[in-house]
Amino acid sequence: MKLKESLGALYKKLVEIFTPDVKIDMDRVPKHIGIIMDGNGRWAKKRGLKRSDGHRAGAKTLEDITNYCGEIGVKFLTVYAFSTENWKRDKAEIDAIMELIYEYLSNMEKLLGGKDCRIRVIGDRSRLSDKLNEKILEVEKYTGDRTGPTLNIALNYGGRDEIIRAARAAALDVKEGKKSEKDIDEKYFSSLMYTGDNPEVDLIIRPSGEMRLSNFLLWQCAYSEFWFSNTCWPDFTPKHMRMAIAAYQKRNRRFGGV
């Protein structure tokens, strides 16, 4: 396994060295990027590894990309770690993913190189283990006052579930007299989302060749730009991130205007 891990790291290094570099305008870097971290299982299958090995390789990529986004000035990074639909997967794979997330949170200071990063977990925590929930609360409290980039980890998250949750909260506010029906506008409704205190998502990236949202940030992506890549997430590098941002910077974002 260690040999195959080393080969994977070597491949990513070769991608960085031998593919043409892409320049980006550092003054127009997206404030908020969402990433659907897809392709871990296919990456592992292609190499004769277990799916859990693919998720572990993907966790290393998340570490690299989070650090890189902080370096170039991305203020908010929201990553899709586990969806509300992923519970349909094999229990062994689910357990491996949850253990990886616990491990990531436990070692986040080392993984982030001491950077001033705030970590939050968004999604329905009711199905998560007590052990994992305790670690989430610990990390969120520990990093809560930081002023650097925010990493939102979407865990047991679904866009439809989030909107229903917000609708229930709005209905309760009206019922209790805290809000009137006329108060329910886009600004208020957005504040009820998990990312309510974040800016709108500028760019959504999906590697692995799939071209769909898969229930990710449905409310927040109303005017997001999209970038797709055939590269599986474990092989994703800062150069791919620059390619995505360069494509984003070439687009004319009119937000419904002329």
C-alpha atoms as a PDB file:
ATOM      1  CA  MET A   1       0.000   0.000   0.000  1.00  0.00           C
ATOM      2  CA  LYS A   2       2.785   2.456   0.865  1.00  0.00           C
ATOM      3  CA  LEU A   3       4.378   1.865  -2.535  1.00  0.00           C
ATOM      4  CA  LYS A   4       1.073   2.586  -4.270  1.00  0.00           C
ATOM      5  CA  GLU A   5       0.605   5.716  -2.135  1.00  0.00           C
ATOM      6  CA  SER A   6       4.080   6.860  -3.150  1.00  0.00           C
ATOM      7  CA  LEU A   7       3.275   6.239  -6.807  1.00  0.00           C
ATOM      8  CA  GLY A   8       0.117   8.282  -6.453  1.00  0.00           C
ATOM      9  CA  ALA A   9       2.068  11.180  -4.933  1.00  0.00           C
ATOM     10  CA  LEU A  10       4.649  10.884  -7.721  1.00  0.00           C
ATOM     11  CA  TYR A  11       1.922  11.024 -10.372  1.00  0.00           C
ATOM     12  CA  LYS A  12       0.531  14.245  -8.896  1.00  0.00           C
ATOM     13  CA  LYS A  13       4.012  15.737  -8.782  1.00  0.00           C
ATOM     14  CA  LEU A  14       4.565  14.858 -12.457  1.00  0.00           C
ATOM     15  CA  VAL A  15       1.251  16.499 -13.342  1.00  0.00           C
ATOM     16  CA  GLU A  16       2.439  19.670 -11.645  1.00  0.00           C
ATOM     17  CA  ILE A  17       5.821  19.594 -13.397  1.00  0.00           C
ATOM     18  CA  PHE A  18       4.966  18.541 -16.952  1.00  0.00           C
ATOM     19  CA  THR A  19       1.549  20.012 -17.705  1.00  0.00           C
ATOM     20  CA  PRO A  20       1.573  23.624 -18.904  1.00  0.00           C
ATOM     21  CA  ASP A  21       1.088  26.062 -16.069  1.00  0.00           C
ATOM     22  CA  VAL A  22      -1.982  28.266 -15.924  1.00  0.00           C
ATOM     23  CA  LYS A  23      -1.827  31.841 -14.708  1.00  0.00           C
ATOM     24  CA  ILE A  24      -4.664  33.401 -12.734  1.00  0.00           C
ATOM     25  CA  ASP A  25      -5.482  36.981 -11.786  1.00  0.00           C
ATOM     26  CA  MET A  26      -4.852  37.042  -8.037  1.00  0.00           C
ATOM     27  CA  ASP A  27      -7.107  40.095  -7.710  1.00  0.00           C
ATOM     28  CA  ARG A  28     -10.135  38.174  -9.025  1.00  0.00           C
ATOM     29  CA  VAL A  29      -9.927  34.892  -7.156  1.00  0.00           C
ATOM     30  CA  PRO A  30     -13.401  33.542  -6.224  1.00  0.00           C
ATOM     31  CA  LYS A  31     -14.352  34.283  -2.628  1.00  0.00           C
ATOM     32  CA  HIS A  32     -16.315  31.060  -2.189  1.00  0.00           C
ATOM     33  CA  ILE A  33     -15.624  27.760  -3.975  1.00  0.00           C
ATOM     34  CA  GLY A  34     -17.610  24.543  -3.623  1.00  0.00           C
ATOM     35  CA  ILE A  35     -16.071  21.172  -4.499  1.00  0.00           C
ATOM     36  CA  ILE A  36     -17.816  17.847  -5.048  1.00  0.00           C
ATOM     37  CA  MET A  37     -14.965  15.519  -4.100  1.00  0.00           C
ATOM     38  CA  ASP A  38     -15.851  12.739  -6.521  1.00  0.00           C
ATOM     39  CA  GLY A  39     -14.006   9.742  -7.956  1.00  0.00           C
ATOM     40  CA  ASN A  40     -12.298   8.241  -4.904  1.00  0.00           C
ATOM     41  CA  GLY A  41     -13.811   4.793  -5.484  1.00  0.00           C
ATOM     42  CA  ARG A  42     -13.002   4.730  -9.209  1.00  0.00           C
ATOM     43  CA  TRP A  43      -9.467   5.917  -8.503  1.00  0.00           C
ATOM     44  CA  ALA A  44      -8.977   3.009  -6.079  1.00  0.00           C
ATOM     45  CA  LYS A  45     -10.581   0.410  -8.375  1.00  0.00           C
ATOM     46  CA  LYS A  46      -8.296   1.389 -11.249  1.00  0.00           C
ATOM     47  CA  ARG A  47      -5.309   0.691  -8.996  1.00  0.00           C
ATOM     48  CA  GLY A  48      -6.603  -2.539  -7.494  1.00  0.00           C
ATOM     49  CA  LEU A  49      -7.087  -0.919  -4.091  1.00  0.00           C
ATOM     50  CA  LYS A  50      -9.975  -0.869  -1.627  1.00  0.00           C
ATOM     51  CA  ARG A  51     -12.474   1.988  -1.866  1.00  0.00           C
ATOM     52  CA  SER A  52     -11.355   3.085   1.594  1.00  0.00           C
ATOM     53  CA  ASP A  53      -7.848   3.586   0.155  1.00  0.00           C
ATOM     54  CA  GLY A  54      -9.351   5.945  -2.400  1.00  0.00           C
ATOM     55  CA  HIS A  55     -11.058   7.946   0.337  1.00  0.00           C
ATOM     56  CA  ARG A  56      -7.780   8.175   2.257  1.00  0.00           C
ATOM     57  CA  ALA A  57      -6.016   9.465  -0.877  1.00  0.00           C
ATOM     58  CA  GLY A  58      -8.866  11.936  -1.329  1.00  0.00           C
ATOM     59  CA  ALA A  59      -8.378  13.187   2.242  1.00  0.00           C
ATOM     60  CA  LYS A  60      -4.749  13.969   1.423  1.00  0.00           C
ATOM     61  CA  THR A  61      -5.888  15.917  -1.637  1.00  0.00           C
ATOM     62  CA  LEU A  62      -8.303  17.896   0.532  1.00  0.00           C
ATOM     63  CA  GLU A  63      -5.394  18.826   2.778  1.00  0.00           C
ATOM     64  CA  ASP A  64      -3.354  20.040  -0.210  1.00  0.00           C
ATOM     65  CA  ILE A  65      -6.198  21.960  -1.848  1.00  0.00           C
ATOM     66  CA  THR A  66      -7.319  23.604   1.411  1.00  0.00           C
ATOM     67  CA  ASN A  67      -3.791  24.874   1.993  1.00  0.00           C
ATOM     68  CA  TYR A  68      -3.495  26.087  -1.594  1.00  0.00           C
ATOM     69  CA  CYS A  69      -6.838  27.916  -1.488  1.00  0.00           C
ATOM     70  CA  GLY A  70      -5.673  29.708   1.646  1.00  0.00           C
ATOM     71  CA  GLU A  71      -2.466  30.738  -0.104  1.00  0.00           C
ATOM     72  CA  ILE A  72      -4.234  32.313  -3.094  1.00  0.00           C
ATOM     73  CA  GLY A  73      -6.921  34.121  -1.105  1.00  0.00           C
ATOM     74  CA  VAL A  74     -10.029  31.944  -1.324  1.00  0.00           C
ATOM     75  CA  LYS A  75     -12.018  32.947   1.768  1.00  0.00           C
ATOM     76  CA  PHE A  76     -14.556  30.103   1.856  1.00  0.00           C
ATOM     77  CA  LEU A  77     -14.204  26.510   0.679  1.00  0.00           C
ATOM     78  CA  THR A  78     -17.187  24.147   0.953  1.00  0.00           C
ATOM     79  CA  VAL A  79     -16.469  20.485   0.232  1.00  0.00           C
ATOM     80  CA  TYR A  80     -18.934  17.623  -0.195  1.00  0.00           C
ATOM     81  CA  ALA A  81     -17.685  14.844   2.081  1.00  0.00           C
ATOM     82  CA  PHE A  82     -20.788  12.681   2.612  1.00  0.00           C
ATOM     83  CA  SER A  83     -24.311  13.152   1.281  1.00  0.00           C
ATOM     84  CA  THR A  84     -27.677  12.212   2.774  1.00  0.00           C
ATOM     85  CA  GLU A  85     -27.873   9.581   0.025  1.00  0.00           C
ATOM     86  CA  ASN A  86     -24.472   8.032   0.783  1.00  0.00           C
ATOM     87  CA  TRP A  87     -25.971   5.970   3.621  1.00  0.00           C
ATOM     88  CA  LYS A  88     -27.034   3.531   0.884  1.00  0.00           C
ATOM     89  CA  ARG A  89     -23.409   2.466   0.489  1.00  0.00           C
ATOM     90  CA  ASP A  90     -21.777  -0.572   2.062  1.00  0.00           C
ATOM     91  CA  LYS A  91     -21.463  -0.221   5.850  1.00  0.00           C
ATOM     92  CA  ALA A  92     -17.735  -0.936   5.796  1.00  0.00           C
ATOM     93  CA  GLU A  93     -17.176   1.933   3.373  1.00  0.00           C
ATOM     94  CA  ILE A  94     -19.344   4.288   5.448  1.00  0.00           C
ATOM     95  CA  ASP A  95     -17.437   3.368   8.600  1.00  0.00           C
ATOM     96  CA  ALA A  96     -14.127   3.984   6.827  1.00  0.00           C
ATOM     97  CA  ILE A  97     -15.270   7.430   5.646  1.00  0.00           C
ATOM     98  CA  MET A  98     -16.468   8.424   9.106  1.00  0.00           C
ATOM     99  CA  GLU A  99     -13.217   7.250  10.677  1.00  0.00           C
ATOM    100  CA  LEU A 100     -11.240   9.237   8.114  1.00  0.00           C
ATOM    101  CA  ILE A 101     -13.231  12.381   8.898  1.00  0.00           C
ATOM    102  CA  TYR A 102     -12.634  11.850  12.624  1.00  0.00           C
ATOM    103  CA  GLU A 103      -8.924  11.358  11.937  1.00  0.00           C
ATOM    104  CA  TYR A 104      -8.810  14.479   9.745  1.00  0.00           C
ATOM    105  CA  LEU A 105     -10.458  16.609  12.423  1.00  0.00           C
ATOM    106  CA  SER A 106      -8.207  15.168  15.132  1.00  0.00           C
ATOM    107  CA  ASN A 107      -5.082  16.080  13.149  1.00  0.00           C
ATOM    108  CA  MET A 108      -6.298  19.280  11.548  1.00  0.00           C
ATOM    109  CA  GLU A 109      -3.586  21.483  13.091  1.00  0.00           C
ATOM    110  CA  LYS A 110      -0.848  19.333  11.600  1.00  0.00           C
ATOM    111  CA  LEU A 111      -2.640  18.890   8.284  1.00  0.00           C
ATOM    112  CA  LEU A 112      -3.254  22.609   7.863  1.00  0.00           C
ATOM    113  CA  GLY A 113       0.299  23.508   8.817  1.00  0.00           C
ATOM    114  CA  GLY A 114      -0.791  25.808  11.626  1.00  0.00           C
ATOM    115  CA  LYS A 115      -2.700  28.051   9.208  1.00  0.00           C
ATOM    116  CA  ASP A 116      -5.393  30.356  10.581  1.00  0.00           C
ATOM    117  CA  CYS A 117      -8.277  28.287   9.172  1.00  0.00           C
ATOM    118  CA  ARG A 118     -11.782  28.084  10.625  1.00  0.00           C
ATOM    119  CA  ILE A 119     -13.417  24.665  10.269  1.00  0.00           C
ATOM    120  CA  ARG A 120     -17.155  24.082  10.265  1.00  0.00           C
ATOM    121  CA  VAL A 121     -19.262  21.005   9.564  1.00  0.00           C
ATOM    122  CA  ILE A 122     -22.564  21.575   7.780  1.00  0.00           C
ATOM    123  CA  GLY A 123     -25.369  19.048   7.465  1.00  0.00           C
ATOM    124  CA  ASP A 124     -27.648  16.945   9.655  1.00  0.00           C
ATOM    125  CA  ARG A 125     -25.556  15.659  12.567  1.00  0.00           C
ATOM    126  CA  SER A 126     -28.307  13.512  14.088  1.00  0.00           C
ATOM    127  CA  ARG A 127     -27.083  10.326  12.362  1.00  0.00           C
ATOM    128  CA  LEU A 128     -23.438  10.853  13.245  1.00  0.00           C
ATOM    129  CA  SER A 129     -21.847   9.003  16.149  1.00  0.00           C
ATOM    130  CA  ASP A 130     -21.462  10.674  19.550  1.00  0.00           C
ATOM    131  CA  LYS A 131     -17.699  10.338  19.164  1.00  0.00           C
ATOM    132  CA  LEU A 132     -17.690  12.211  15.860  1.00  0.00           C
ATOM    133  CA  ASN A 133     -20.142  14.860  17.062  1.00  0.00           C
ATOM    134  CA  GLU A 134     -17.969  15.564  20.080  1.00  0.00           C
ATOM    135  CA  LYS A 135     -14.915  15.983  17.857  1.00  0.00           C
ATOM    136  CA  ILE A 136     -16.835  18.318  15.523  1.00  0.00           C
ATOM    137  CA  LEU A 137     -17.898  20.537  18.421  1.00  0.00           C
ATOM    138  CA  GLU A 138     -14.330  20.558  19.770  1.00  0.00           C
ATOM    139  CA  VAL A 139     -12.808  21.613  16.433  1.00  0.00           C
ATOM    140  CA  GLU A 140     -15.486  24.216  15.698  1.00  0.00           C
ATOM    141  CA  LYS A 141     -14.981  25.781  19.113  1.00  0.00           C
ATOM    142  CA  TYR A 142     -11.187  25.670  18.824  1.00  0.00           C
ATOM    143  CA  THR A 143     -11.149  27.340  15.386  1.00  0.00           C
ATOM    144  CA  GLY A 144     -14.267  29.486  15.773  1.00  0.00           C
ATOM    145  CA  ASP A 145     -12.494  32.794  16.457  1.00  0.00           C
ATOM    146  CA  ARG A 146     -10.037  32.479  13.607  1.00  0.00           C
ATOM    147  CA  THR A 147     -10.114  35.119  10.899  1.00  0.00           C
ATOM    148  CA  GLY A 148      -8.501  33.141   8.075  1.00  0.00           C
ATOM    149  CA  PRO A 149     -10.235  31.029   5.403  1.00  0.00           C
ATOM    150  CA  THR A 150     -13.309  28.985   6.340  1.00  0.00           C
ATOM    151  CA  LEU A 151     -13.479  25.298   5.424  1.00  0.00           C
ATOM    152  CA  ASN A 152     -17.058  24.003   5.411  1.00  0.00           C
ATOM    153  CA  ILE A 153     -17.190  20.195   5.435  1.00  0.00           C
ATOM    154  CA  ALA A 154     -20.595  19.023   4.170  1.00  0.00           C
ATOM    155  CA  LEU A 155     -21.287  15.853   6.159  1.00  0.00           C
ATOM    156  CA  ASN A 156     -24.616  14.013   5.948  1.00  0.00           C
ATOM    157  CA  TYR A 157     -25.592  16.975   3.808  1.00  0.00           C
ATOM    158  CA  GLY A 158     -28.258  17.280   1.125  1.00  0.00           C
ATOM    159  CA  GLY A 159     -29.378  20.431  -0.660  1.00  0.00           C
ATOM    160  CA  ARG A 160     -33.059  19.474  -0.589  1.00  0.00           C
ATOM    161  CA  ASP A 161     -32.834  18.525   3.078  1.00  0.00           C
ATOM    162  CA  GLU A 162     -31.238  21.900   3.831  1.00  0.00           C
ATOM    163  CA  ILE A 163     -34.032  23.804   2.049  1.00  0.00           C
ATOM    164  CA  ILE A 164     -36.734  21.820   3.883  1.00  0.00           C
ATOM    165  CA  ARG A 165     -34.958  22.516   7.168  1.00  0.00           C
ATOM    166  CA  ALA A 166     -34.906  26.245   6.363  1.00  0.00           C
ATOM    167  CA  ALA A 167     -38.589  26.217   5.358  1.00  0.00           C
ATOM    168  CA  ARG A 168     -39.525  24.617   8.678  1.00  0.00           C
ATOM    169  CA  ALA A 169     -37.482  27.211  10.562  1.00  0.00           C
ATOM    170  CA  ALA A 170     -39.202  30.023   8.647  1.00  0.00           C
ATOM    171  CA  ALA A 171     -42.646  28.532   9.293  1.00  0.00           C
ATOM    172  CA  LEU A 172     -41.855  28.297  13.020  1.00  0.00           C
ATOM    173  CA  ASP A 173     -40.731  31.937  13.097  1.00  0.00           C
ATOM    174  CA  VAL A 174     -44.039  32.986  11.547  1.00  0.00           C
ATOM    175  CA  LYS A 175     -46.039  30.754  13.876  1.00  0.00           C
ATOM    176  CA  GLU A 176     -44.284  32.208  16.942  1.00  0.00           C
ATOM    177  CA  GLY A 177     -44.769  35.760  15.696  1.00  0.00           C
ATOM    178  CA  LYS A 178     -41.058  36.450  15.187  1.00  0.00           C
ATOM    179  CA  LYS A 179     -41.620  37.071  11.476  1.00  0.00           C
ATOM    180  CA  SER A 180     -44.560  37.939   9.256  1.00  0.00           C
ATOM    181  CA  GLU A 181     -45.187  36.276   5.908  1.00  0.00           C
ATOM    182  CA  LYS A 182     -43.926  39.437   4.183  1.00  0.00           C
ATOM    183  CA  ASP A 183     -40.583  39.062   5.977  1.00  0.00           C
ATOM    184  CA  ILE A 184     -39.873  35.768   4.182  1.00  0.00           C
ATOM    185  CA  ASP A 185     -37.665  37.049   1.361  1.00  0.00           C
ATOM    186  CA  GLU A 186     -34.498  35.704  -0.275  1.00  0.00           C
ATOM    187  CA  LYS A 187     -32.163  37.466   2.147  1.00  0.00           C
ATOM    188  CA  TYR A 188     -33.928  36.069   5.200  1.00  0.00           C
ATOM    189  CA  PHE A 189     -34.292  32.587   3.703  1.00  0.00           C
ATOM    190  CA  SER A 190     -30.591  32.531   2.781  1.00  0.00           C
ATOM    191  CA  SER A 191     -29.726  33.318   6.392  1.00  0.00           C
ATOM    192  CA  LEU A 192     -31.405  30.045   7.423  1.00  0.00           C
ATOM    193  CA  MET A 193     -29.033  27.959   5.294  1.00  0.00           C
ATOM    194  CA  TYR A 194     -26.043  26.224   6.863  1.00  0.00           C
ATOM    195  CA  THR A 195     -23.861  28.709   4.971  1.00  0.00           C
ATOM    196  CA  GLY A 196     -26.047  31.682   5.889  1.00  0.00           C
ATOM    197  CA  ASP A 197     -23.123  33.817   7.051  1.00  0.00           C
ATOM    198  CA  ASN A 198     -21.017  33.017   3.965  1.00  0.00           C
ATOM    199  CA  PRO A 199     -21.076  34.852   0.617  1.00  0.00           C
ATOM    200  CA  GLU A 200     -22.778  33.210  -2.353  1.00  0.00           C
ATOM    201  CA  VAL A 201     -20.861  30.360  -3.983  1.00  0.00           C
ATOM    202  CA  ASP A 202     -18.929  31.752  -6.960  1.00  0.00           C
ATOM    203  CA  LEU A 203     -17.574  28.526  -8.422  1.00  0.00           C
ATOM    204  CA  ILE A 204     -18.498  24.847  -8.100  1.00  0.00           C
ATOM    205  CA  ILE A 205     -15.928  22.253  -9.159  1.00  0.00           C
ATOM    206  CA  ARG A 206     -16.656  18.592  -9.847  1.00  0.00           C
ATOM    207  CA  PRO A 207     -13.850  16.227 -10.813  1.00  0.00           C
ATOM    208  CA  SER A 208     -14.151  12.595 -12.027  1.00  0.00           C
ATOM    209  CA  GLY A 209     -16.085  13.166 -15.264  1.00  0.00           C
ATOM    210  CA  GLU A 210     -19.590  13.438 -13.809  1.00  0.00           C
ATOM    211  CA  MET A 211     -21.593  16.532 -14.760  1.00  0.00           C
ATOM    212  CA  ARG A 212     -24.314  16.931 -12.149  1.00  0.00           C
ATOM    213  CA  LEU A 213     -24.806  18.638  -8.784  1.00  0.00           C
ATOM    214  CA  SER A 214     -25.863  15.536  -6.838  1.00  0.00           C
ATOM    215  CA  ASN A 215     -27.937  17.568  -4.353  1.00  0.00           C
ATOM    216  CA  PHE A 216     -25.058  19.903  -3.450  1.00  0.00           C
ATOM    217  CA  LEU A 217     -25.685  23.543  -2.458  1.00  0.00           C
ATOM    218  CA  LEU A 218     -28.933  23.766  -4.442  1.00  0.00           C
ATOM    219  CA  TRP A 219     -30.002  27.114  -2.986  1.00  0.00           C
ATOM    220  CA  GLN A 220     -26.524  28.629  -2.946  1.00  0.00           C
ATOM    221  CA  CYS A 221     -25.626  27.774  -6.573  1.00  0.00           C
ATOM    222  CA  ALA A 222     -28.305  29.918  -8.249  1.00  0.00           C
ATOM    223  CA  TYR A 223     -25.624  31.991 -10.020  1.00  0.00           C
ATOM    224  CA  SER A 224     -22.541  29.857  -9.484  1.00  0.00           C
ATOM    225  CA  GLU A 225     -20.189  29.083 -12.332  1.00  0.00           C
ATOM    226  CA  PHE A 226     -19.420  25.392 -12.923  1.00  0.00           C
ATOM    227  CA  TRP A 227     -16.201  23.631 -13.896  1.00  0.00           C
ATOM    228  CA  PHE A 228     -15.933  19.915 -14.579  1.00  0.00           C
ATOM    229  CA  SER A 229     -12.856  17.715 -14.956  1.00  0.00           C
ATOM    230  CA  ASN A 230     -12.252  14.074 -15.868  1.00  0.00           C
ATOM    231  CA  THR A 231      -9.537  13.864 -13.198  1.00  0.00           C
ATOM    232  CA  CYS A 232     -10.564  11.832 -10.137  1.00  0.00           C
ATOM    233  CA  TRP A 233     -10.386  13.730  -6.860  1.00  0.00           C
ATOM    234  CA  PRO A 234      -7.300  11.920  -5.439  1.00  0.00           C
ATOM    235  CA  ASP A 235      -5.319  13.109  -8.500  1.00  0.00           C
ATOM    236  CA  PHE A 236      -6.590  16.688  -8.276  1.00  0.00           C
ATOM    237  CA  THR A 237      -3.755  19.200  -7.803  1.00  0.00           C
ATOM    238  CA  PRO A 238      -3.332  22.970  -7.328  1.00  0.00           C
ATOM    239  CA  LYS A 239      -2.740  23.140 -11.090  1.00  0.00           C
ATOM    240  CA  HIS A 240      -6.270  21.810 -11.667  1.00  0.00           C
ATOM    241  CA  MET A 241      -7.524  24.443  -9.244  1.00  0.00           C
ATOM    242  CA  ARG A 242      -5.776  27.141 -11.257  1.00  0.00           C
ATOM    243  CA  MET A 243      -7.353  25.759 -14.435  1.00  0.00           C
ATOM    244  CA  ALA A 244     -10.800  26.002 -12.843  1.00  0.00           C
ATOM    245  CA  ILE A 245     -10.206  29.536 -11.591  1.00  0.00           C
ATOM    246  CA  ALA A 246      -8.753  30.642 -14.937  1.00  0.00           C
ATOM    247  CA  ALA A 247     -11.899  29.370 -16.694  1.00  0.00           C
ATOM    248  CA  TYR A 248     -14.046  31.159 -14.114  1.00  0.00           C
ATOM    249  CA  GLN A 249     -12.177  34.426 -14.677  1.00  0.00           C
ATOM    250  CA  LYS A 250     -12.884  34.302 -18.419  1.00  0.00           C
ATOM    251  CA  ARG A 251     -16.642  34.192 -17.921  1.00  0.00           C
ATOM    252  CA  ASN A 252     -18.975  37.169 -17.965  1.00  0.00           C
ATOM    253  CA  ARG A 253     -21.102  36.949 -14.841  1.00  0.00           C
ATOM    254  CA  ARG A 254     -24.179  39.066 -15.594  1.00  0.00           C
ATOM    255  CA  PHE A 255     -26.475  37.719 -12.848  1.00  0.00           C
ATOM    256  CA  GLY A 256     -29.483  37.990 -15.141  1.00  0.00           C
ATOM    257  CA  GLY A 257     -28.521  41.405 -16.549  1.00  0.00           C
ATOM    258  CA  VAL A 258     -27.593  42.273 -20.109  1.00  0.00           C
END
